[in-house]
């Protein structure tokens, strides 16, 4: 189902995150999850809607401004501070909410990306109690419910909705703009720091490539046709590239640090402390590193699975591909050896090879997913 089909069904102001379900989902599943969300996350406002064309149910999720403020405090969202209170960026605190810029204006204090990030944090931290189950899915105590249901296919998609008003503005100031600086702050506010940092690097890299392009063009223009002149120019251009690459990397380090400080991500915690993926299984223990409760799976069991299952399966797949390729080559030689065959038949082995490659790609992708999931147990 297309995301665009849902985007036009409700204004963004009434929905930040959309959760859709397969068309075979029964009412018991919807009511079970809806009840858990409303009891476990009372801050959220959930509306159940039915798409008239696809006949698929969806949860439209949003939250009030006061709830978002509490969520920002809970996740330590960094927000700009008013100049009279020192300026800069600081983790949000409800006890000192008056010191933050635009706190009085609920329409502009949170960007859409920040609202969606808070709601996503709540959804992913909806935990199961001991002995809870849904149909044939048995949850472990403290396990995140929604990531597990998404991994099992009970939830089809969980994705944020766009704001058409901001997208149109970015289309004019960014996509359709020619020879103008990228609106990196607007990109960061809407898409988040990771996307903004990528395009900041891409723009910086594109601008920096002008120097070797111009210098190389000048060398190519004035290089003579003899081998000695060409060798000298190659050495000069190589030395120039070494100097250029060094300066490029050092300048980007400074530029990247400026953006990280400006966007409040210079000292954020590492992603290694995020929740493990829902397919992971194991026994609960206290981590010797963080002293927090975690699921633990013995490394020797994972190594045993890799040696007895993953390695033989991978070798079998490689052998099958090799044999199929040899068969196609033999078929090609056989077809070319028969002169009486129509010309179009001579392309048959190549068509067969293309079909085999496409089919194997899909099959091997499913096998790779299965091996990856089983290797996490």
Protein backbone atom coordinates (compact mmCIF):
# COMPACT_ATOMS: atom_id res chain seq x y z
CA UNK A 1 0.00 0.00 0.00
CA UNK A 2 1.32 3.41 -0.95
CA UNK A 3 2.21 5.87 1.79
CA UNK A 4 0.62 8.61 -0.32
CA UNK A 5 -2.79 6.98 -0.07
CA UNK A 6 -2.76 7.55 3.68
CA UNK A 7 -1.12 10.99 3.61
CA UNK A 8 -4.21 12.57 2.05
CA UNK A 9 -6.72 11.11 4.52
CA UNK A 10 -6.02 13.33 7.52
CA UNK A 11 -4.25 16.65 8.14
CA UNK A 12 -0.76 16.34 9.58
CA UNK A 13 -1.77 18.44 12.58
CA UNK A 14 -4.09 15.60 13.66
CA UNK A 15 -1.58 12.81 13.07
CA UNK A 16 2.17 12.50 13.53
CA UNK A 17 2.75 8.74 13.17
CA UNK A 18 0.70 6.26 11.17
CA UNK A 19 0.49 2.56 12.02
CA UNK A 20 -1.11 0.28 9.43
CA UNK A 21 -2.17 -3.36 9.56
CA UNK A 22 -2.61 -6.11 6.96
CA UNK A 23 -6.11 -6.44 5.50
CA UNK A 24 -6.46 -9.83 7.22
CA UNK A 25 -6.12 -8.36 10.73
CA UNK A 26 -9.02 -9.33 12.98
CA UNK A 27 -10.83 -7.08 15.45
CA UNK A 28 -9.36 -8.87 18.46
CA UNK A 29 -5.82 -7.91 17.42
CA UNK A 30 -6.77 -4.28 16.86
CA UNK A 31 -8.60 -3.98 20.18
CA UNK A 32 -5.81 -5.78 22.06
CA UNK A 33 -3.13 -3.42 20.77
CA UNK A 34 -5.32 -0.33 21.07
CA UNK A 35 -6.06 -1.17 24.70
CA UNK A 36 -2.36 -1.70 25.47
CA UNK A 37 -1.40 1.62 23.87
CA UNK A 38 -4.09 3.59 25.68
CA UNK A 39 -3.29 2.01 29.04
CA UNK A 40 0.48 1.87 28.66
CA UNK A 41 0.96 5.23 26.96
CA UNK A 42 -1.85 7.53 28.17
CA UNK A 43 -0.02 10.51 26.65
CA UNK A 44 -0.92 9.38 23.13
CA UNK A 45 -4.09 10.15 21.22
CA UNK A 46 -5.01 7.24 18.95
CA UNK A 47 -7.73 7.26 16.30
CA UNK A 48 -8.70 4.09 14.47
CA UNK A 49 -9.55 4.60 10.81
CA UNK A 50 -10.39 2.41 7.86
CA UNK A 51 -9.14 3.14 4.35
CA UNK A 52 -12.10 2.92 1.98
CA UNK A 53 -10.07 1.82 -1.07
CA UNK A 54 -7.57 -0.65 0.42
CA UNK A 55 -9.89 -1.75 3.27
CA UNK A 56 -6.94 -1.62 5.65
CA UNK A 57 -7.17 -0.41 9.25
CA UNK A 58 -4.72 2.11 10.66
CA UNK A 59 -3.95 3.89 13.92
CA UNK A 60 -3.48 7.65 13.61
CA UNK A 61 -1.23 8.62 16.51
CA UNK A 62 -0.54 12.08 17.92
CA UNK A 63 -0.19 13.75 21.33
CA UNK A 64 -1.07 16.99 23.06
CA UNK A 65 1.46 19.78 23.53
CA UNK A 66 1.70 19.17 27.28
CA UNK A 67 2.37 15.47 26.71
CA UNK A 68 5.05 16.26 24.15
CA UNK A 69 6.76 18.55 26.68
CA UNK A 70 6.86 15.72 29.20
CA UNK A 71 8.18 13.40 26.51
CA UNK A 72 10.91 15.87 25.56
CA UNK A 73 11.94 15.96 29.22
CA UNK A 74 11.92 12.17 29.37
CA UNK A 75 14.19 11.62 26.36
CA UNK A 76 16.41 14.64 27.10
CA UNK A 77 15.61 16.46 23.86
CA UNK A 78 18.03 19.35 23.32
CA UNK A 79 16.41 22.70 22.62
CA UNK A 80 17.78 26.24 22.19
CA UNK A 81 17.81 28.46 25.29
CA UNK A 82 16.82 32.13 25.30
CA UNK A 83 19.70 34.61 25.16
CA UNK A 84 18.88 36.09 28.58
CA UNK A 85 19.38 32.65 30.13
CA UNK A 86 22.75 31.98 28.51
CA UNK A 87 21.79 30.82 25.01
CA UNK A 88 23.10 27.65 23.40
CA UNK A 89 21.48 24.22 23.51
CA UNK A 90 20.34 22.37 26.61
CA UNK A 91 18.36 19.22 27.39
CA UNK A 92 14.73 20.14 27.91
CA UNK A 93 13.36 20.25 31.45
CA UNK A 94 9.71 20.82 32.35
CA UNK A 95 10.75 22.46 35.63
CA UNK A 96 12.57 25.22 33.73
CA UNK A 97 10.49 25.33 30.57
CA UNK A 98 10.36 29.13 30.61
CA UNK A 99 14.05 29.42 29.61
CA UNK A 100 13.61 27.82 26.17
CA UNK A 101 12.95 29.72 22.97
CA UNK A 102 9.40 29.64 21.54
CA UNK A 103 8.10 27.68 24.53
CA UNK A 104 5.00 29.88 24.51
CA UNK A 105 4.15 28.93 20.91
CA UNK A 106 3.12 25.30 20.67
CA UNK A 107 2.97 25.44 16.86
CA UNK A 108 6.66 26.29 16.49
CA UNK A 109 8.39 24.95 19.58
CA UNK A 110 8.55 21.36 18.30
CA UNK A 111 9.44 20.50 14.73
CA UNK A 112 7.52 17.67 13.09
CA UNK A 113 10.62 15.49 13.33
CA UNK A 114 10.87 16.12 17.08
CA UNK A 115 7.20 15.34 17.66
CA UNK A 116 7.50 12.13 15.70
CA UNK A 117 10.68 11.19 17.52
CA UNK A 118 9.00 11.53 20.91
CA UNK A 119 5.98 9.49 19.80
CA UNK A 120 8.23 6.84 18.30
CA UNK A 121 10.13 6.64 21.60
CA UNK A 122 6.89 6.00 23.48
CA UNK A 123 5.66 3.41 20.98
CA UNK A 124 8.92 1.47 20.97
CA UNK A 125 9.02 1.42 24.78
CA UNK A 126 5.57 -0.09 25.27
CA UNK A 127 6.58 -3.15 27.30
CA UNK A 128 4.94 -6.53 27.75
CA UNK A 129 4.12 -7.93 31.16
CA UNK A 130 4.98 -11.42 32.26
CA UNK A 131 2.95 -14.08 30.45
CA UNK A 132 1.31 -11.75 27.93
CA UNK A 133 0.52 -13.18 24.52
CA UNK A 134 -1.37 -12.37 21.34
CA UNK A 135 -2.56 -15.39 19.38
CA UNK A 136 0.61 -17.49 18.92
CA UNK A 137 3.00 -14.68 19.90
CA UNK A 138 4.30 -15.05 23.46
CA UNK A 139 6.09 -11.99 24.79
CA UNK A 140 8.97 -12.02 27.21
CA UNK A 141 8.68 -9.88 30.30
CA UNK A 142 9.80 -6.34 29.53
CA UNK A 143 9.98 -6.96 25.78
CA UNK A 144 8.93 -4.05 23.47
CA UNK A 145 5.54 -4.96 22.02
CA UNK A 146 5.31 -2.89 18.84
CA UNK A 147 8.76 -3.77 17.36
CA UNK A 148 7.96 -7.45 17.96
CA UNK A 149 4.56 -7.19 16.26
CA UNK A 150 6.14 -5.34 13.34
CA UNK A 151 8.78 -8.05 12.99
CA UNK A 152 6.08 -10.75 13.03
CA UNK A 153 3.99 -9.00 10.37
CA UNK A 154 1.07 -8.21 12.68
CA UNK A 155 1.82 -4.51 12.14
CA UNK A 156 2.38 -3.75 8.49
CA UNK A 157 4.04 -0.32 8.71
CA UNK A 158 4.89 2.36 11.24
CA UNK A 159 5.93 5.60 9.57
CA UNK A 160 5.76 9.37 10.13
CA UNK A 161 3.62 11.61 7.97
CA UNK A 162 4.88 14.53 5.96
CA UNK A 163 3.79 18.14 6.31
CA UNK A 164 2.87 19.25 2.82
CA UNK A 165 3.32 22.92 3.73
CA UNK A 166 6.97 22.43 4.69
CA UNK A 167 7.63 20.07 1.80
CA UNK A 168 6.45 22.69 -0.69
CA UNK A 169 8.71 25.29 0.89
CA UNK A 170 11.69 22.94 0.75
CA UNK A 171 10.85 22.12 -2.85
CA UNK A 172 11.25 25.81 -3.76
CA UNK A 173 14.22 26.71 -1.54
CA UNK A 174 16.15 23.47 -1.93
CA UNK A 175 15.17 21.11 -4.77
CA UNK A 176 14.27 23.71 -7.39
CA UNK A 177 16.82 26.32 -6.29
CA UNK A 178 19.81 26.85 -8.59
CA UNK A 179 23.21 28.10 -7.39
CA UNK A 180 21.89 28.80 -3.89
CA UNK A 181 23.08 27.53 -0.53
CA UNK A 182 21.22 24.57 0.88
CA UNK A 183 18.75 25.42 3.70
CA UNK A 184 20.52 23.04 6.05
CA UNK A 185 18.78 24.31 9.19
CA UNK A 186 15.36 23.73 7.64
CA UNK A 187 16.45 20.29 6.45
CA UNK A 188 17.62 19.47 9.97
CA UNK A 189 14.37 20.68 11.54
CA UNK A 190 12.26 18.60 9.20
CA UNK A 191 14.25 15.46 8.36
CA UNK A 192 16.53 15.28 11.39
CA UNK A 193 20.24 15.65 12.03
CA UNK A 194 21.38 12.53 10.16
CA UNK A 195 19.78 13.56 6.87
CA UNK A 196 20.93 17.18 7.27
CA UNK A 197 24.48 16.06 8.05
CA UNK A 198 24.53 13.88 4.94
CA UNK A 199 23.47 16.71 2.65
CA UNK A 200 25.85 19.10 4.41
CA UNK A 201 28.69 16.70 3.62
CA UNK A 202 27.44 16.16 0.06
CA UNK A 203 27.32 19.91 -0.60
CA UNK A 204 30.74 20.46 0.94
CA UNK A 205 32.21 17.58 -1.09
CA UNK A 206 30.68 18.84 -4.33
CA UNK A 207 32.07 22.34 -3.74
CA UNK A 208 35.50 20.96 -2.83
CA UNK A 209 35.63 18.91 -6.04
CA UNK A 210 35.79 22.15 -8.03
CA UNK A 211 39.47 22.61 -7.15
CA UNK A 212 40.85 19.31 -8.51
CA UNK A 213 38.50 19.61 -11.49
CA UNK A 214 39.82 23.05 -12.43
CA UNK A 215 43.46 22.17 -11.72
CA UNK A 216 43.18 18.92 -13.68
CA UNK A 217 41.59 20.70 -16.64
CA UNK A 218 44.42 23.24 -16.70
CA UNK A 219 47.05 20.49 -16.59
CA UNK A 220 45.29 18.56 -19.36
CA UNK A 221 45.12 21.69 -21.52
CA UNK A 222 48.81 22.57 -21.25
CA UNK A 223 50.20 19.01 -21.24
CA UNK A 224 52.18 18.17 -24.36
CA UNK A 225 51.80 14.94 -26.28
CA UNK A 226 55.21 13.44 -25.38
CA UNK A 227 55.44 10.79 -22.67
CA UNK A 228 57.80 12.80 -20.43
CA UNK A 229 55.41 15.75 -20.20
CA UNK A 230 52.49 13.46 -19.44
CA UNK A 231 54.41 11.66 -16.68
CA UNK A 232 55.38 14.96 -15.04
CA UNK A 233 51.79 16.19 -15.11
CA UNK A 234 50.56 12.93 -13.58
CA UNK A 235 53.02 13.28 -10.71
CA UNK A 236 52.05 16.92 -10.17
CA UNK A 237 48.34 16.07 -10.20
CA UNK A 238 48.90 13.20 -7.76
CA UNK A 239 50.74 15.49 -5.33
CA UNK A 240 47.95 18.05 -5.67
CA UNK A 241 45.33 15.39 -4.89
CA UNK A 242 47.20 14.28 -1.76
CA UNK A 243 47.31 17.86 -0.46
CA UNK A 244 43.69 18.48 -1.49
CA UNK A 245 42.42 15.31 0.21
CA UNK A 246 44.22 16.19 3.46
CA UNK A 247 42.85 19.72 3.53
CA UNK A 248 39.38 18.45 2.58
CA UNK A 249 39.25 15.98 5.46
CA UNK A 250 40.54 18.45 8.04
CA UNK A 251 38.15 21.18 6.91
CA UNK A 252 35.21 18.78 6.99
CA UNK A 253 36.10 17.73 10.54
CA UNK A 254 35.81 21.36 11.59
CA UNK A 255 32.65 21.92 9.57
CA UNK A 256 31.04 18.71 10.84
CA UNK A 257 31.85 19.62 14.44
CA UNK A 258 30.24 23.04 13.93
CA UNK A 259 27.06 21.45 12.62
CA UNK A 260 27.03 18.87 15.41
CA UNK A 261 27.35 21.60 18.05
CA UNK A 262 24.77 23.79 16.33
CA UNK A 263 22.25 20.97 16.03
CA UNK A 264 22.88 19.66 19.53
CA UNK A 265 24.37 16.25 18.73
CA UNK A 266 28.00 16.79 19.67
CA UNK A 267 27.76 14.90 22.96
CA UNK A 268 24.69 12.71 22.52
CA UNK A 269 24.93 9.10 23.76
CA UNK A 270 26.04 6.42 21.34
CA UNK A 271 23.52 4.31 19.45
CA UNK A 272 24.95 1.21 21.07
CA UNK A 273 22.64 1.70 24.05
CA UNK A 274 19.51 1.39 21.93
CA UNK A 275 17.11 -1.52 22.29
CA UNK A 276 18.18 -4.79 20.64
CA UNK A 277 16.10 -5.85 17.68
CA UNK A 278 12.87 -7.69 18.57
CA UNK A 279 13.97 -11.01 16.99
CA UNK A 280 16.74 -11.36 19.58
CA UNK A 281 16.20 -14.10 22.16
CA UNK A 282 18.16 -15.11 25.19
CA UNK A 283 18.23 -15.25 28.96
CA UNK A 284 18.05 -12.16 31.13
CA UNK A 285 21.18 -11.08 32.96
CA UNK A 286 22.88 -7.99 34.34
CA UNK A 287 25.31 -6.52 31.82
CA UNK A 288 28.89 -6.45 33.14
CA UNK A 289 29.48 -3.25 31.12
CA UNK A 290 26.41 -1.08 31.75
CA UNK A 291 25.02 -2.90 34.84
CA UNK A 292 21.62 -2.81 33.15
CA UNK A 293 19.33 -5.77 32.56
CA UNK A 294 19.75 -7.30 29.10
CA UNK A 295 19.10 -10.41 27.06
CA UNK A 296 22.16 -12.64 26.70
CA UNK A 297 22.79 -15.41 24.17
CA UNK A 298 25.92 -17.58 24.60
CA UNK A 299 28.49 -16.92 21.84
CA UNK A 300 29.29 -20.62 21.48
CA UNK A 301 25.70 -21.35 20.40
CA UNK A 302 25.87 -18.63 17.77
CA UNK A 303 29.23 -19.98 16.53
CA UNK A 304 27.79 -23.50 16.39
CA UNK A 305 24.88 -22.28 14.25
CA UNK A 306 27.25 -20.42 11.94
CA UNK A 307 29.46 -23.47 11.41
CA UNK A 308 26.74 -26.14 11.11
CA UNK A 309 24.00 -24.14 9.34
CA UNK A 310 25.09 -20.78 7.92
CA UNK A 311 28.33 -21.96 6.32
CA UNK A 312 26.85 -25.08 4.62
CA UNK A 313 23.84 -23.13 3.37
CA UNK A 314 26.07 -20.38 1.91
CA UNK A 315 28.35 -22.92 0.26
CA UNK A 316 25.34 -24.74 -1.20
CA UNK A 317 23.96 -21.49 -2.62
CA UNK A 318 27.32 -20.60 -4.17
CA UNK A 319 27.63 -24.08 -5.68
CA UNK A 320 24.13 -23.87 -7.11
CA UNK A 321 24.84 -20.51 -8.74
CA UNK A 322 28.10 -21.84 -10.20
CA UNK A 323 26.39 -24.91 -11.68
CA UNK A 324 23.54 -22.83 -13.13
CA UNK A 325 26.04 -20.47 -14.76
CA UNK A 326 27.96 -23.38 -16.26
CA UNK A 327 24.69 -24.79 -17.56
CA UNK A 328 23.82 -21.47 -19.22
CA UNK A 329 27.26 -21.28 -20.83
CA UNK A 330 26.92 -24.82 -22.16
CA UNK A 331 23.48 -23.96 -23.51
CA UNK A 332 24.96 -20.88 -25.19
CA UNK A 333 27.65 -22.93 -26.93
CA UNK A 334 25.10 -25.53 -28.03
CA UNK A 335 22.76 -22.89 -29.49
CA UNK A 336 25.58 -21.12 -31.34
CA UNK A 337 26.78 -24.39 -32.83
CA UNK A 338 23.49 -24.88 -34.67
CA UNK A 339 23.51 -22.56 -37.64
CA UNK A 340 19.95 -23.30 -38.77
CA UNK A 341 18.31 -21.82 -35.64
CA UNK A 342 16.57 -18.42 -35.96
CA UNK A 343 18.55 -15.46 -34.71
CA UNK A 344 16.12 -14.73 -31.89
CA UNK A 345 16.69 -18.20 -30.44
CA UNK A 346 20.37 -17.37 -30.01
CA UNK A 347 19.39 -14.91 -27.26
CA UNK A 348 17.55 -17.62 -25.31
CA UNK A 349 20.49 -18.59 -23.04
CA UNK A 350 21.02 -14.97 -22.04
CA UNK A 351 17.33 -14.59 -21.22
CA UNK A 352 17.42 -17.80 -19.17
CA UNK A 353 20.49 -16.53 -17.30
CA UNK A 354 18.79 -13.21 -16.53
CA UNK A 355 15.70 -15.01 -15.18
CA UNK A 356 17.85 -17.32 -13.06
CA UNK A 357 19.84 -14.42 -11.60
CA UNK A 358 16.65 -12.50 -10.71
CA UNK A 359 15.01 -15.57 -9.16
CA UNK A 360 18.10 -16.52 -7.17
CA UNK A 361 18.43 -12.97 -5.93
CA UNK A 362 14.94 -13.08 -4.39
CA UNK A 363 15.40 -16.58 -2.96
CA UNK A 364 18.82 -15.81 -1.50
CA UNK A 365 17.51 -12.60 0.04
CA UNK A 366 14.90 -14.60 1.97
CA UNK A 367 17.54 -17.13 3.00
CA UNK A 368 19.85 -14.33 4.14
CA UNK A 369 17.09 -12.78 6.25
CA UNK A 370 16.33 -16.16 7.80
CA UNK A 371 19.98 -16.87 8.59
CA UNK A 372 20.40 -13.38 10.03
CA UNK A 373 17.37 -13.74 12.28
CA UNK A 374 18.31 -17.24 13.42
CA UNK A 375 21.86 -16.14 14.10
CA UNK A 376 20.53 -13.54 16.57
CA UNK A 377 18.94 -16.16 18.83
